[in-house]
Amino acid sequence: MTALYARAGRMMQQFLDGICTVYALQPLAQDGVLCGGFADFAGWQPVEGQESLPCHLAVQQNGPAAADEDGSRVAAHCRLFLSRAEQSGAPPAGSRMRVEQQGQVFWLACSGLAASYPTHWEMEVKLLDERA
């Protein structure tokens, strides 16, 4: 079984065409008051050991028929695949990610836990409006 997982892991590496950096909220203290949060990136720091990770971001959108005339109801559903070989653990719940893939940069939010597979981590993520 170990040989099968090793082979699957090598095949998965061919699929990963992006680079991901995981960020966790570490609020800054100014005059004894914690600041920073979800509206901006103040206090968000890269997670040690989870920088420049091989990844693949899959984006799927609902069709144009489901959108308003101005396109405001078009929603993207995103799934992020991360290599297990490069990191010690799963990205923390509530983390944010910066993904560079195919010449584009995506800023993402992950609210839940990553699904763990022998070859990779997989999680639902959301495109951040202020960074999209």
N, C-alpha and C. Protein backbone atom coordinates (compact mmCIF):
# COMPACT_ATOMS: atom_id res chain seq x y z
N MET A 1 0.82 -1.19 0.00
CA MET A 1 0.00 0.00 0.00
C MET A 1 0.87 1.26 0.00
N THR A 2 2.00 1.22 0.69
CA THR A 2 2.88 2.38 0.74
C THR A 2 3.40 2.73 -0.65
N ALA A 3 3.73 1.72 -1.45
CA ALA A 3 4.22 1.97 -2.81
C ALA A 3 3.13 2.62 -3.66
N LEU A 4 1.90 2.19 -3.46
CA LEU A 4 0.77 2.77 -4.20
C LEU A 4 0.59 4.25 -3.85
N TYR A 5 0.67 4.57 -2.54
CA TYR A 5 0.54 5.98 -2.12
C TYR A 5 1.72 6.81 -2.64
N ALA A 6 2.91 6.23 -2.67
CA ALA A 6 4.07 6.95 -3.19
C ALA A 6 3.88 7.27 -4.67
N ARG A 7 3.37 6.31 -5.42
CA ARG A 7 3.12 6.53 -6.85
C ARG A 7 2.03 7.59 -7.04
N ALA A 8 0.96 7.50 -6.25
CA ALA A 8 -0.12 8.49 -6.34
C ALA A 8 0.40 9.88 -5.97
N GLY A 9 1.29 9.95 -4.99
CA GLY A 9 1.88 11.23 -4.60
C GLY A 9 2.70 11.85 -5.72
N ARG A 10 3.46 11.02 -6.45
CA ARG A 10 4.24 11.52 -7.59
C ARG A 10 3.32 12.02 -8.70
N MET A 11 2.22 11.32 -8.93
CA MET A 11 1.26 11.75 -9.94
C MET A 11 0.59 13.05 -9.53
N MET A 12 0.31 13.20 -8.23
CA MET A 12 -0.33 14.41 -7.72
C MET A 12 0.59 15.62 -7.92
N GLN A 13 1.91 15.44 -7.78
CA GLN A 13 2.85 16.54 -7.93
C GLN A 13 2.77 17.15 -9.34
N GLN A 14 2.44 16.36 -10.35
CA GLN A 14 2.31 16.86 -11.71
C GLN A 14 1.09 17.77 -11.87
N PHE A 15 0.10 17.56 -11.03
CA PHE A 15 -1.15 18.31 -11.05
C PHE A 15 -0.99 19.69 -10.41
N LEU A 16 -0.05 19.83 -9.48
CA LEU A 16 0.12 21.06 -8.71
C LEU A 16 0.92 22.08 -9.53
N ASP A 17 0.24 23.12 -10.02
CA ASP A 17 0.87 24.10 -10.89
C ASP A 17 0.92 25.50 -10.30
N GLY A 18 0.65 25.64 -9.03
CA GLY A 18 0.66 26.95 -8.38
C GLY A 18 1.54 26.94 -7.13
N ILE A 19 1.69 28.13 -6.53
CA ILE A 19 2.44 28.31 -5.30
C ILE A 19 1.53 28.98 -4.28
N CYS A 20 1.47 28.44 -3.08
CA CYS A 20 0.58 28.96 -2.03
C CYS A 20 1.37 29.35 -0.79
N THR A 21 1.01 30.47 -0.20
CA THR A 21 1.51 30.87 1.12
C THR A 21 0.32 31.00 2.03
N VAL A 22 0.39 30.37 3.22
CA VAL A 22 -0.70 30.36 4.19
C VAL A 22 -0.43 31.44 5.24
N TYR A 23 -1.47 32.21 5.56
CA TYR A 23 -1.38 33.28 6.56
C TYR A 23 -2.33 32.98 7.72
N ALA A 24 -1.90 33.32 8.93
CA ALA A 24 -2.75 33.19 10.12
C ALA A 24 -2.82 34.55 10.81
N LEU A 25 -3.94 34.82 11.44
CA LEU A 25 -4.14 36.11 12.12
C LEU A 25 -3.35 36.14 13.41
N GLN A 26 -2.48 37.11 13.52
CA GLN A 26 -1.71 37.36 14.73
C GLN A 26 -1.87 38.85 15.02
N PRO A 27 -2.95 39.21 15.75
CA PRO A 27 -3.28 40.62 15.95
C PRO A 27 -2.11 41.43 16.51
N LEU A 28 -1.99 42.64 16.02
CA LEU A 28 -0.96 43.56 16.47
C LEU A 28 -1.49 44.34 17.67
N ALA A 29 -0.64 44.61 18.63
CA ALA A 29 -1.03 45.40 19.79
C ALA A 29 -0.48 46.82 19.65
N GLN A 30 -1.37 47.80 19.74
CA GLN A 30 -0.98 49.21 19.73
C GLN A 30 -1.57 49.87 20.96
N ASP A 31 -0.72 50.33 21.83
CA ASP A 31 -1.15 50.95 23.09
C ASP A 31 -2.04 50.00 23.90
N GLY A 32 -1.70 48.71 23.90
CA GLY A 32 -2.44 47.73 24.68
C GLY A 32 -3.74 47.26 24.05
N VAL A 33 -4.04 47.74 22.84
CA VAL A 33 -5.28 47.35 22.15
C VAL A 33 -4.91 46.50 20.94
N LEU A 34 -5.58 45.35 20.79
CA LEU A 34 -5.33 44.49 19.64
C LEU A 34 -6.05 45.04 18.43
N CYS A 35 -5.34 45.16 17.30
CA CYS A 35 -5.96 45.64 16.06
C CYS A 35 -5.61 44.70 14.92
N GLY A 36 -6.31 44.94 13.83
CA GLY A 36 -6.16 44.07 12.67
C GLY A 36 -7.31 43.10 12.64
N GLY A 37 -7.61 42.59 11.49
CA GLY A 37 -8.71 41.66 11.43
C GLY A 37 -9.04 41.25 10.02
N PHE A 38 -10.31 40.93 9.82
CA PHE A 38 -10.72 40.35 8.55
C PHE A 38 -10.94 41.38 7.46
N ALA A 39 -11.14 42.65 7.81
CA ALA A 39 -11.40 43.67 6.80
C ALA A 39 -10.12 44.09 6.07
N ASP A 40 -8.98 43.93 6.72
CA ASP A 40 -7.71 44.26 6.09
C ASP A 40 -6.70 43.15 6.40
N PHE A 41 -5.49 43.32 5.96
CA PHE A 41 -4.50 42.28 6.21
C PHE A 41 -3.57 42.63 7.37
N ALA A 42 -3.93 43.65 8.18
CA ALA A 42 -3.11 43.99 9.33
C ALA A 42 -3.15 42.83 10.33
N GLY A 43 -2.01 42.39 10.75
CA GLY A 43 -1.93 41.30 11.72
C GLY A 43 -1.85 39.91 11.12
N TRP A 44 -1.96 39.77 9.82
CA TRP A 44 -1.86 38.47 9.16
C TRP A 44 -0.40 38.22 8.83
N GLN A 45 0.13 37.10 9.30
CA GLN A 45 1.52 36.75 9.08
C GLN A 45 1.61 35.36 8.44
N PRO A 46 2.62 35.14 7.58
CA PRO A 46 2.80 33.81 7.01
C PRO A 46 3.03 32.77 8.10
N VAL A 47 2.45 31.60 7.93
CA VAL A 47 2.63 30.50 8.88
C VAL A 47 3.98 29.84 8.57
N GLU A 48 4.79 29.69 9.61
CA GLU A 48 6.11 29.10 9.42
C GLU A 48 6.00 27.69 8.85
N GLY A 49 6.77 27.43 7.81
CA GLY A 49 6.77 26.12 7.17
C GLY A 49 5.67 25.95 6.14
N GLN A 50 4.82 26.97 5.95
CA GLN A 50 3.74 26.89 4.97
C GLN A 50 3.82 28.06 3.99
N GLU A 51 5.02 28.25 3.47
CA GLU A 51 5.27 29.29 2.49
C GLU A 51 5.76 28.62 1.20
N SER A 52 5.34 29.14 0.07
CA SER A 52 5.74 28.63 -1.25
C SER A 52 5.45 27.14 -1.40
N LEU A 53 4.24 26.74 -1.02
CA LEU A 53 3.83 25.33 -1.12
C LEU A 53 3.27 25.04 -2.51
N PRO A 54 3.63 23.91 -3.12
CA PRO A 54 3.00 23.53 -4.38
C PRO A 54 1.50 23.33 -4.17
N CYS A 55 0.69 23.86 -5.10
CA CYS A 55 -0.76 23.77 -4.94
C CYS A 55 -1.44 23.80 -6.30
N HIS A 56 -2.75 23.60 -6.27
CA HIS A 56 -3.59 23.81 -7.45
C HIS A 56 -4.92 24.38 -6.96
N LEU A 57 -5.34 25.48 -7.55
CA LEU A 57 -6.62 26.11 -7.23
C LEU A 57 -7.60 25.81 -8.36
N ALA A 58 -8.69 25.13 -8.04
CA ALA A 58 -9.74 24.83 -9.01
C ALA A 58 -10.90 25.78 -8.75
N VAL A 59 -11.30 26.53 -9.78
CA VAL A 59 -12.37 27.50 -9.66
C VAL A 59 -13.51 27.09 -10.58
N GLN A 60 -14.72 27.05 -10.01
CA GLN A 60 -15.91 26.75 -10.79
C GLN A 60 -16.93 27.85 -10.49
N GLN A 61 -17.63 28.33 -11.52
CA GLN A 61 -18.64 29.37 -11.33
C GLN A 61 -20.00 28.84 -11.77
N ASN A 62 -21.05 29.43 -11.16
CA ASN A 62 -22.38 29.09 -11.66
C ASN A 62 -22.56 29.74 -13.02
N GLY A 63 -23.44 29.21 -13.82
CA GLY A 63 -23.61 29.68 -15.20
C GLY A 63 -24.22 31.06 -15.29
N PRO A 64 -24.11 31.69 -16.46
CA PRO A 64 -24.65 33.03 -16.68
C PRO A 64 -26.16 33.09 -16.45
N ALA A 65 -26.88 32.00 -16.64
CA ALA A 65 -28.32 32.00 -16.44
C ALA A 65 -28.69 32.27 -14.98
N ALA A 66 -27.79 31.93 -14.04
CA ALA A 66 -28.06 32.13 -12.62
C ALA A 66 -27.68 33.53 -12.16
N ALA A 67 -27.09 34.34 -13.02
CA ALA A 67 -26.64 35.67 -12.64
C ALA A 67 -27.69 36.73 -12.93
N ASP A 68 -27.59 37.85 -12.22
CA ASP A 68 -28.42 39.01 -12.52
C ASP A 68 -27.94 39.63 -13.81
N GLU A 69 -28.68 40.63 -14.30
CA GLU A 69 -28.27 41.31 -15.54
C GLU A 69 -26.90 41.96 -15.41
N ASP A 70 -26.58 42.44 -14.21
CA ASP A 70 -25.27 43.08 -14.02
C ASP A 70 -24.19 42.09 -13.62
N GLY A 71 -24.53 40.80 -13.52
CA GLY A 71 -23.54 39.77 -13.18
C GLY A 71 -23.22 39.68 -11.71
N SER A 72 -23.97 40.35 -10.85
CA SER A 72 -23.63 40.40 -9.43
C SER A 72 -23.89 39.10 -8.68
N ARG A 73 -24.69 38.21 -9.23
CA ARG A 73 -24.97 36.97 -8.52
C ARG A 73 -24.09 35.81 -8.97
N VAL A 74 -23.12 36.07 -9.84
CA VAL A 74 -22.20 35.02 -10.23
C VAL A 74 -21.31 34.72 -9.04
N ALA A 75 -21.26 33.47 -8.63
CA ALA A 75 -20.46 33.08 -7.47
C ALA A 75 -19.41 32.06 -7.89
N ALA A 76 -18.21 32.21 -7.36
CA ALA A 76 -17.14 31.25 -7.63
C ALA A 76 -17.06 30.25 -6.48
N HIS A 77 -16.93 29.00 -6.82
CA HIS A 77 -16.74 27.94 -5.84
C HIS A 77 -15.32 27.42 -6.05
N CYS A 78 -14.50 27.49 -5.02
CA CYS A 78 -13.09 27.18 -5.17
C CYS A 78 -12.68 26.02 -4.27
N ARG A 79 -11.78 25.22 -4.76
CA ARG A 79 -11.20 24.11 -4.01
C ARG A 79 -9.69 24.20 -4.18
N LEU A 80 -8.97 24.13 -3.05
CA LEU A 80 -7.51 24.23 -3.07
C LEU A 80 -6.91 22.88 -2.70
N PHE A 81 -5.96 22.45 -3.51
CA PHE A 81 -5.22 21.21 -3.29
C PHE A 81 -3.79 21.57 -2.92
N LEU A 82 -3.30 21.08 -1.78
CA LEU A 82 -1.93 21.37 -1.33
C LEU A 82 -1.15 20.07 -1.17
N SER A 83 0.12 20.12 -1.50
CA SER A 83 0.99 18.96 -1.35
C SER A 83 1.22 18.65 0.12
N ARG A 84 1.17 17.39 0.48
CA ARG A 84 1.49 16.97 1.86
C ARG A 84 2.98 16.85 2.05
N ALA A 85 3.71 16.57 0.99
CA ALA A 85 5.14 16.32 1.11
C ALA A 85 5.92 17.55 1.57
N GLU A 86 5.41 18.73 1.30
CA GLU A 86 6.15 19.95 1.58
C GLU A 86 5.85 20.57 2.95
N GLN A 87 4.85 20.12 3.64
CA GLN A 87 4.49 20.79 4.88
C GLN A 87 4.29 19.81 6.02
N SER A 88 4.38 20.32 7.23
CA SER A 88 4.29 19.46 8.41
C SER A 88 2.86 19.22 8.85
N GLY A 89 1.95 20.10 8.53
CA GLY A 89 0.56 19.93 8.95
C GLY A 89 -0.39 20.67 8.05
N ALA A 90 -1.68 20.51 8.33
CA ALA A 90 -2.71 21.17 7.53
C ALA A 90 -2.74 22.66 7.85
N PRO A 91 -3.17 23.46 6.89
CA PRO A 91 -3.36 24.89 7.18
C PRO A 91 -4.39 25.05 8.30
N PRO A 92 -4.18 26.00 9.19
CA PRO A 92 -5.13 26.18 10.29
C PRO A 92 -6.49 26.68 9.80
N ALA A 93 -7.54 26.28 10.51
CA ALA A 93 -8.88 26.79 10.20
C ALA A 93 -8.88 28.30 10.38
N GLY A 94 -9.59 28.98 9.50
CA GLY A 94 -9.66 30.44 9.58
C GLY A 94 -8.47 31.13 8.94
N SER A 95 -7.63 30.39 8.25
CA SER A 95 -6.45 30.99 7.63
C SER A 95 -6.79 31.66 6.30
N ARG A 96 -5.85 32.40 5.80
CA ARG A 96 -5.95 33.01 4.47
C ARG A 96 -4.79 32.51 3.64
N MET A 97 -4.99 32.53 2.34
CA MET A 97 -3.95 32.05 1.44
C MET A 97 -3.74 33.02 0.29
N ARG A 98 -2.51 33.04 -0.17
CA ARG A 98 -2.16 33.77 -1.40
C ARG A 98 -1.67 32.71 -2.37
N VAL A 99 -2.35 32.60 -3.50
CA VAL A 99 -2.01 31.59 -4.50
C VAL A 99 -1.60 32.29 -5.79
N GLU A 100 -0.45 31.91 -6.30
CA GLU A 100 0.00 32.35 -7.62
C GLU A 100 -0.11 31.14 -8.54
N GLN A 101 -0.93 31.29 -9.59
CA GLN A 101 -1.16 30.18 -10.51
C GLN A 101 -1.43 30.72 -11.90
N GLN A 102 -0.75 30.21 -12.88
CA GLN A 102 -0.94 30.57 -14.28
C GLN A 102 -0.91 32.09 -14.50
N GLY A 103 0.05 32.75 -13.84
CA GLY A 103 0.23 34.19 -14.03
C GLY A 103 -0.74 35.07 -13.27
N GLN A 104 -1.62 34.51 -12.45
CA GLN A 104 -2.57 35.30 -11.67
C GLN A 104 -2.33 35.09 -10.19
N VAL A 105 -2.74 36.09 -9.40
CA VAL A 105 -2.65 36.01 -7.94
C VAL A 105 -4.06 36.00 -7.37
N PHE A 106 -4.33 35.05 -6.49
CA PHE A 106 -5.63 34.92 -5.85
C PHE A 106 -5.44 35.01 -4.34
N TRP A 107 -6.30 35.79 -3.67
CA TRP A 107 -6.33 35.86 -2.21
C TRP A 107 -7.57 35.10 -1.76
N LEU A 108 -7.38 34.16 -0.85
CA LEU A 108 -8.44 33.24 -0.46
C LEU A 108 -8.61 33.19 1.05
N ALA A 109 -9.81 32.80 1.47
CA ALA A 109 -10.09 32.56 2.89
C ALA A 109 -10.52 31.11 3.04
N CYS A 110 -10.05 30.48 4.11
CA CYS A 110 -10.43 29.11 4.43
C CYS A 110 -11.02 29.11 5.83
N SER A 111 -12.29 28.76 5.96
CA SER A 111 -12.91 28.83 7.27
C SER A 111 -12.93 27.50 8.00
N GLY A 112 -12.76 26.42 7.29
CA GLY A 112 -12.85 25.10 7.91
C GLY A 112 -11.55 24.34 7.92
N LEU A 113 -11.64 23.09 8.30
CA LEU A 113 -10.48 22.22 8.35
C LEU A 113 -10.26 21.59 6.98
N ALA A 114 -9.01 21.29 6.68
CA ALA A 114 -8.66 20.66 5.42
C ALA A 114 -8.93 19.16 5.50
N ALA A 115 -9.41 18.60 4.40
CA ALA A 115 -9.56 17.15 4.30
C ALA A 115 -8.17 16.56 4.07
N SER A 116 -7.87 15.49 4.78
CA SER A 116 -6.55 14.88 4.72
C SER A 116 -6.60 13.60 3.88
N TYR A 117 -5.74 13.55 2.88
CA TYR A 117 -5.58 12.36 2.04
C TYR A 117 -4.11 11.95 2.08
N PRO A 118 -3.79 10.71 1.76
CA PRO A 118 -2.38 10.29 1.81
C PRO A 118 -1.48 11.09 0.88
N THR A 119 -2.03 11.66 -0.18
CA THR A 119 -1.22 12.37 -1.16
C THR A 119 -1.29 13.89 -1.07
N HIS A 120 -2.34 14.44 -0.42
CA HIS A 120 -2.52 15.89 -0.42
C HIS A 120 -3.53 16.33 0.64
N TRP A 121 -3.57 17.64 0.87
CA TRP A 121 -4.62 18.29 1.66
C TRP A 121 -5.59 18.91 0.65
N GLU A 122 -6.87 18.95 1.02
CA GLU A 122 -7.87 19.52 0.12
C GLU A 122 -8.87 20.32 0.95
N MET A 123 -9.21 21.53 0.49
CA MET A 123 -10.12 22.37 1.27
C MET A 123 -10.94 23.28 0.38
N GLU A 124 -12.12 23.61 0.87
CA GLU A 124 -12.97 24.61 0.23
C GLU A 124 -12.44 25.98 0.64
N VAL A 125 -12.32 26.89 -0.31
CA VAL A 125 -11.85 28.24 -0.03
C VAL A 125 -12.76 29.23 -0.74
N LYS A 126 -12.68 30.47 -0.29
CA LYS A 126 -13.49 31.54 -0.86
C LYS A 126 -12.57 32.65 -1.36
N LEU A 127 -12.86 33.17 -2.56
CA LEU A 127 -12.12 34.32 -3.06
C LEU A 127 -12.45 35.53 -2.19
N LEU A 128 -11.44 36.26 -1.78
CA LEU A 128 -11.66 37.45 -0.98
C LEU A 128 -11.97 38.62 -1.90
N ASP A 129 -13.06 39.32 -1.63
CA ASP A 129 -13.50 40.43 -2.47
C ASP A 129 -12.48 41.54 -2.55
N GLU A 130 -11.89 41.90 -1.41
CA GLU A 130 -10.98 43.05 -1.41
C GLU A 130 -9.66 42.74 -2.12
N ARG A 131 -9.40 41.48 -2.40
CA ARG A 131 -8.16 41.11 -3.08
C ARG A 131 -8.41 40.50 -4.45
N ALA A 132 -9.67 40.29 -4.83
CA ALA A 132 -9.97 39.63 -6.10
C ALA A 132 -9.73 40.55 -7.27
